Amino acid sequence: MPEERQAPIAFETTTVVAASPERVHRHLSDPYSYIGLSPLVVAVRDVRPGHDAQGREIVDYLAVERFRLFGPLRWDNPMRVRLTSHRPDRVVSDVRSPGWVRLRAVVELTAVADGTRVREQVSAFAPAPLRRFVAAQARQVAAYRAAELARRMAVP
């Protein structure tokens, strides 16, 4: 599906957490931190550190989202993620999900008096039949992630 033919799903969230930018960056640079940071991510597998074409450090991994369907029925959605965190004020996640769904989350960290301002810009592409679902899920997950990150960072 040619991504350039469709407008992206785009939004941002901002929160302030009670921790230093260095601590937040360390947490967001660890793929295993995303288990539970997103309400859907239940597993992280196949973690492979490496370098991109420009020589910057990256981590490629498989994240598993779990969707509850009806009662005990569930669907596990494996997603390929490339995490780039070579800058101390920025973490980027590029996600490839089945169904031609792509998502990019750019997190910028800024020191403020109360800790760190965390600004996450999300852009996603999805085929027409999935756009509404992907948009709703991405917004819900981003809001949850902001609240959960604040909760985690409040603990010393």
C-alpha atoms as a PDB file:
ATOM      1  CA  MET A   1       0.000   0.000   0.000  1.00  0.00           C
ATOM      2  CA  PRO A   2       1.690   3.251  -1.067  1.00  0.00           C
ATOM      3  CA  GLU A   3       1.875   5.396   2.051  1.00  0.00           C
ATOM      4  CA  GLU A   4       2.373   8.621   0.112  1.00  0.00           C
ATOM      5  CA  ARG A   5      -1.151   8.353  -1.367  1.00  0.00           C
ATOM      6  CA  GLN A   6      -2.889   8.709   1.968  1.00  0.00           C
ATOM      7  CA  ALA A   7      -2.823  11.400   4.619  1.00  0.00           C
ATOM      8  CA  PRO A   8      -1.208  10.251   7.855  1.00  0.00           C
ATOM      9  CA  ILE A   9      -3.062   9.828  11.103  1.00  0.00           C
ATOM     10  CA  ALA A  10      -1.208  12.412  13.190  1.00  0.00           C
ATOM     11  CA  PHE A  11      -1.460  13.734  16.735  1.00  0.00           C
ATOM     12  CA  GLU A  12       0.687  14.524  19.752  1.00  0.00           C
ATOM     13  CA  THR A  13       0.552  14.161  23.509  1.00  0.00           C
ATOM     14  CA  THR A  14       2.501  16.068  26.126  1.00  0.00           C
ATOM     15  CA  THR A  15       2.981  15.301  29.794  1.00  0.00           C
ATOM     16  CA  VAL A  16       5.398  16.235  32.552  1.00  0.00           C
ATOM     17  CA  VAL A  17       6.996  13.467  34.591  1.00  0.00           C
ATOM     18  CA  ALA A  18       8.849  13.760  37.896  1.00  0.00           C
ATOM     19  CA  ALA A  19      12.218  12.457  36.702  1.00  0.00           C
ATOM     20  CA  SER A  20      15.291  13.742  34.935  1.00  0.00           C
ATOM     21  CA  PRO A  21      15.490  13.609  31.131  1.00  0.00           C
ATOM     22  CA  GLU A  22      18.357  11.117  31.483  1.00  0.00           C
ATOM     23  CA  ARG A  23      16.216   8.724  33.543  1.00  0.00           C
ATOM     24  CA  VAL A  24      13.257   9.018  31.158  1.00  0.00           C
ATOM     25  CA  HIS A  25      15.544   8.500  28.152  1.00  0.00           C
ATOM     26  CA  ARG A  26      17.089   5.391  29.722  1.00  0.00           C
ATOM     27  CA  HIS A  27      13.621   3.956  30.377  1.00  0.00           C
ATOM     28  CA  LEU A  28      12.285   4.692  26.893  1.00  0.00           C
ATOM     29  CA  SER A  29      15.465   3.336  25.254  1.00  0.00           C
ATOM     30  CA  ASP A  30      14.892  -0.122  26.749  1.00  0.00           C
ATOM     31  CA  PRO A  31      12.524  -2.243  24.614  1.00  0.00           C
ATOM     32  CA  TYR A  32      11.440  -4.238  27.681  1.00  0.00           C
ATOM     33  CA  SER A  33      10.111  -1.035  29.290  1.00  0.00           C
ATOM     34  CA  TYR A  34       7.310  -1.022  26.722  1.00  0.00           C
ATOM     35  CA  ILE A  35       5.685  -4.113  28.245  1.00  0.00           C
ATOM     36  CA  GLY A  36       2.790  -2.549  30.112  1.00  0.00           C
ATOM     37  CA  LEU A  37       3.829   0.965  29.112  1.00  0.00           C
ATOM     38  CA  SER A  38       1.380   0.337  26.328  1.00  0.00           C
ATOM     39  CA  PRO A  39      -1.761  -1.397  27.577  1.00  0.00           C
ATOM     40  CA  LEU A  40      -1.574  -3.765  24.603  1.00  0.00           C
ATOM     41  CA  VAL A  41       2.108  -4.806  24.611  1.00  0.00           C
ATOM     42  CA  VAL A  42       2.441  -8.101  26.485  1.00  0.00           C
ATOM     43  CA  ALA A  43       5.814  -9.343  25.218  1.00  0.00           C
ATOM     44  CA  VAL A  44       9.071  -8.213  23.642  1.00  0.00           C
ATOM     45  CA  ARG A  45      11.180 -10.741  21.748  1.00  0.00           C
ATOM     46  CA  ASP A  46      14.075 -11.036  19.345  1.00  0.00           C
ATOM     47  CA  VAL A  47      15.876  -7.927  20.649  1.00  0.00           C
ATOM     48  CA  ARG A  48      18.788  -7.118  18.335  1.00  0.00           C
ATOM     49  CA  PRO A  49      21.031  -4.097  18.949  1.00  0.00           C
ATOM     50  CA  GLY A  50      22.810  -2.794  15.876  1.00  0.00           C
ATOM     51  CA  HIS A  51      23.564   0.273  13.763  1.00  0.00           C
ATOM     52  CA  ASP A  52      21.615   2.047  11.048  1.00  0.00           C
ATOM     53  CA  ALA A  53      23.028   3.150   7.673  1.00  0.00           C
ATOM     54  CA  GLN A  54      24.476   6.290   9.303  1.00  0.00           C
ATOM     55  CA  GLY A  55      26.255   4.262  12.006  1.00  0.00           C
ATOM     56  CA  ARG A  56      23.885   5.297  14.813  1.00  0.00           C
ATOM     57  CA  GLU A  57      22.925   2.778  17.474  1.00  0.00           C
ATOM     58  CA  ILE A  58      19.507   1.180  17.042  1.00  0.00           C
ATOM     59  CA  VAL A  59      17.573  -1.697  18.552  1.00  0.00           C
ATOM     60  CA  ASP A  60      15.296  -3.864  16.427  1.00  0.00           C
ATOM     61  CA  TYR A  61      12.770  -6.069  18.214  1.00  0.00           C
ATOM     62  CA  LEU A  62       9.419  -7.783  17.989  1.00  0.00           C
ATOM     63  CA  ALA A  63       6.650  -6.405  20.222  1.00  0.00           C
ATOM     64  CA  VAL A  64       3.488  -8.430  20.710  1.00  0.00           C
ATOM     65  CA  GLU A  65       0.201  -6.596  21.172  1.00  0.00           C
ATOM     66  CA  ARG A  66      -2.690  -8.577  22.627  1.00  0.00           C
ATOM     67  CA  PHE A  67      -6.235  -7.664  21.647  1.00  0.00           C
ATOM     68  CA  ARG A  68      -9.140  -9.175  23.585  1.00  0.00           C
ATOM     69  CA  LEU A  69     -11.904 -10.180  21.194  1.00  0.00           C
ATOM     70  CA  PHE A  70     -14.793 -11.924  22.953  1.00  0.00           C
ATOM     71  CA  GLY A  71     -14.515 -13.459  26.414  1.00  0.00           C
ATOM     72  CA  PRO A  72     -11.380 -15.608  26.483  1.00  0.00           C
ATOM     73  CA  LEU A  73     -10.686 -15.121  22.753  1.00  0.00           C
ATOM     74  CA  ARG A  74      -7.684 -12.969  21.938  1.00  0.00           C
ATOM     75  CA  TRP A  75      -5.554 -12.005  18.999  1.00  0.00           C
ATOM     76  CA  ASP A  76      -1.796 -11.483  19.291  1.00  0.00           C
ATOM     77  CA  ASN A  77      -0.447  -8.933  16.836  1.00  0.00           C
ATOM     78  CA  PRO A  78       3.345  -9.146  16.258  1.00  0.00           C
ATOM     79  CA  MET A  79       4.953  -5.837  15.314  1.00  0.00           C
ATOM     80  CA  ARG A  80       8.500  -5.132  14.152  1.00  0.00           C
ATOM     81  CA  VAL A  81       9.950  -2.113  15.937  1.00  0.00           C
ATOM     82  CA  ARG A  82      13.114  -0.131  15.305  1.00  0.00           C
ATOM     83  CA  LEU A  83      14.068   1.993  18.302  1.00  0.00           C
ATOM     84  CA  THR A  84      16.516   4.848  17.727  1.00  0.00           C
ATOM     85  CA  SER A  85      17.730   6.684  20.807  1.00  0.00           C
ATOM     86  CA  HIS A  86      21.163   8.070  19.953  1.00  0.00           C
ATOM     87  CA  ARG A  87      20.224  11.626  20.989  1.00  0.00           C
ATOM     88  CA  PRO A  88      19.806  12.286  24.735  1.00  0.00           C
ATOM     89  CA  ASP A  89      16.659  14.373  24.134  1.00  0.00           C
ATOM     90  CA  ARG A  90      14.875  12.110  21.656  1.00  0.00           C
ATOM     91  CA  VAL A  91      13.633   8.536  21.198  1.00  0.00           C
ATOM     92  CA  VAL A  92      12.094   7.362  17.917  1.00  0.00           C
ATOM     93  CA  SER A  93      10.087   4.175  17.392  1.00  0.00           C
ATOM     94  CA  ASP A  94       9.292   3.014  13.868  1.00  0.00           C
ATOM     95  CA  VAL A  95       6.659   0.273  13.920  1.00  0.00           C
ATOM     96  CA  ARG A  96       5.595  -2.120  11.153  1.00  0.00           C
ATOM     97  CA  SER A  97       2.446  -4.035  11.956  1.00  0.00           C
ATOM     98  CA  PRO A  98       0.572  -6.625   9.892  1.00  0.00           C
ATOM     99  CA  GLY A  99      -2.104  -5.278   7.548  1.00  0.00           C
ATOM    100  CA  TRP A 100       0.164  -2.573   6.071  1.00  0.00           C
ATOM    101  CA  VAL A 101      -0.041  -0.513   9.253  1.00  0.00           C
ATOM    102  CA  ARG A 102       2.957   1.737   9.927  1.00  0.00           C
ATOM    103  CA  LEU A 103       3.482   4.021  12.899  1.00  0.00           C
ATOM    104  CA  ARG A 104       6.234   6.423  13.912  1.00  0.00           C
ATOM    105  CA  ALA A 105       6.436   7.861  17.426  1.00  0.00           C
ATOM    106  CA  VAL A 106       8.941  10.643  18.081  1.00  0.00           C
ATOM    107  CA  VAL A 107       9.435  11.447  21.765  1.00  0.00           C
ATOM    108  CA  GLU A 108      11.204  14.674  22.679  1.00  0.00           C
ATOM    109  CA  LEU A 109      12.445  15.219  26.229  1.00  0.00           C
ATOM    110  CA  THR A 110      12.925  18.672  27.740  1.00  0.00           C
ATOM    111  CA  ALA A 111      14.086  19.461  31.268  1.00  0.00           C
ATOM    112  CA  VAL A 112      11.555  21.569  33.190  1.00  0.00           C
ATOM    113  CA  ALA A 113      11.320  22.682  36.836  1.00  0.00           C
ATOM    114  CA  ASP A 114       9.127  19.701  37.799  1.00  0.00           C
ATOM    115  CA  GLY A 115      11.171  17.066  35.927  1.00  0.00           C
ATOM    116  CA  THR A 116      10.847  16.355  32.217  1.00  0.00           C
ATOM    117  CA  ARG A 117       8.355  17.450  29.594  1.00  0.00           C
ATOM    118  CA  VAL A 118       7.655  14.440  27.367  1.00  0.00           C
ATOM    119  CA  ARG A 119       6.216  15.348  23.973  1.00  0.00           C
ATOM    120  CA  GLU A 120       5.243  12.465  21.728  1.00  0.00           C
ATOM    121  CA  GLN A 121       4.368  13.049  18.081  1.00  0.00           C
ATOM    122  CA  VAL A 122       2.660  10.107  16.418  1.00  0.00           C
ATOM    123  CA  SER A 123       2.083   9.598  12.716  1.00  0.00           C
ATOM    124  CA  ALA A 124       0.518   6.442  11.348  1.00  0.00           C
ATOM    125  CA  PHE A 125      -0.549   5.031   8.018  1.00  0.00           C
ATOM    126  CA  ALA A 126      -3.180   2.349   7.564  1.00  0.00           C
ATOM    127  CA  PRO A 127      -5.354   1.066   4.723  1.00  0.00           C
ATOM    128  CA  ALA A 128      -8.801   2.664   4.519  1.00  0.00           C
ATOM    129  CA  PRO A 129     -10.662  -0.218   6.232  1.00  0.00           C
ATOM    130  CA  LEU A 130      -8.317  -0.022   9.252  1.00  0.00           C
ATOM    131  CA  ARG A 131      -7.803   3.750   9.564  1.00  0.00           C
ATOM    132  CA  ARG A 132     -10.544   4.464  12.094  1.00  0.00           C
ATOM    133  CA  PHE A 133      -9.520   1.520  14.294  1.00  0.00           C
ATOM    134  CA  VAL A 134      -5.803   2.367  14.062  1.00  0.00           C
ATOM    135  CA  ALA A 135      -6.445   6.052  14.843  1.00  0.00           C
ATOM    136  CA  ALA A 136      -8.579   5.230  17.894  1.00  0.00           C
ATOM    137  CA  GLN A 137      -6.141   2.629  19.222  1.00  0.00           C
ATOM    138  CA  ALA A 138      -3.087   4.849  18.669  1.00  0.00           C
ATOM    139  CA  ARG A 139      -4.674   7.772  20.529  1.00  0.00           C
ATOM    140  CA  GLN A 140      -5.842   5.545  23.379  1.00  0.00           C
ATOM    141  CA  VAL A 141      -2.427   3.912  23.710  1.00  0.00           C
ATOM    142  CA  ALA A 142      -0.600   7.280  23.635  1.00  0.00           C
ATOM    143  CA  ALA A 143      -2.796   8.667  26.429  1.00  0.00           C
ATOM    144  CA  TYR A 144      -2.308   5.513  28.507  1.00  0.00           C
ATOM    145  CA  ARG A 145       1.460   5.563  27.854  1.00  0.00           C
ATOM    146  CA  ALA A 146       1.741   9.176  29.052  1.00  0.00           C
ATOM    147  CA  ALA A 147      -0.104   8.379  32.295  1.00  0.00           C
ATOM    148  CA  GLU A 148       1.823   5.132  32.886  1.00  0.00           C
ATOM    149  CA  LEU A 149       5.171   6.829  32.228  1.00  0.00           C
ATOM    150  CA  ALA A 150       4.279   9.544  34.758  1.00  0.00           C
ATOM    151  CA  ARG A 151       3.337   6.834  37.274  1.00  0.00           C
ATOM    152  CA  ARG A 152       6.567   4.898  36.705  1.00  0.00           C
ATOM    153  CA  MET A 153       8.748   7.994  36.909  1.00  0.00           C
ATOM    154  CA  ALA A 154       7.096   9.113  40.184  1.00  0.00           C
ATOM    155  CA  VAL A 155       8.668   6.078  41.882  1.00  0.00           C
ATOM    156  CA  PRO A 156      12.300   6.840  42.835  1.00  0.00           C
END
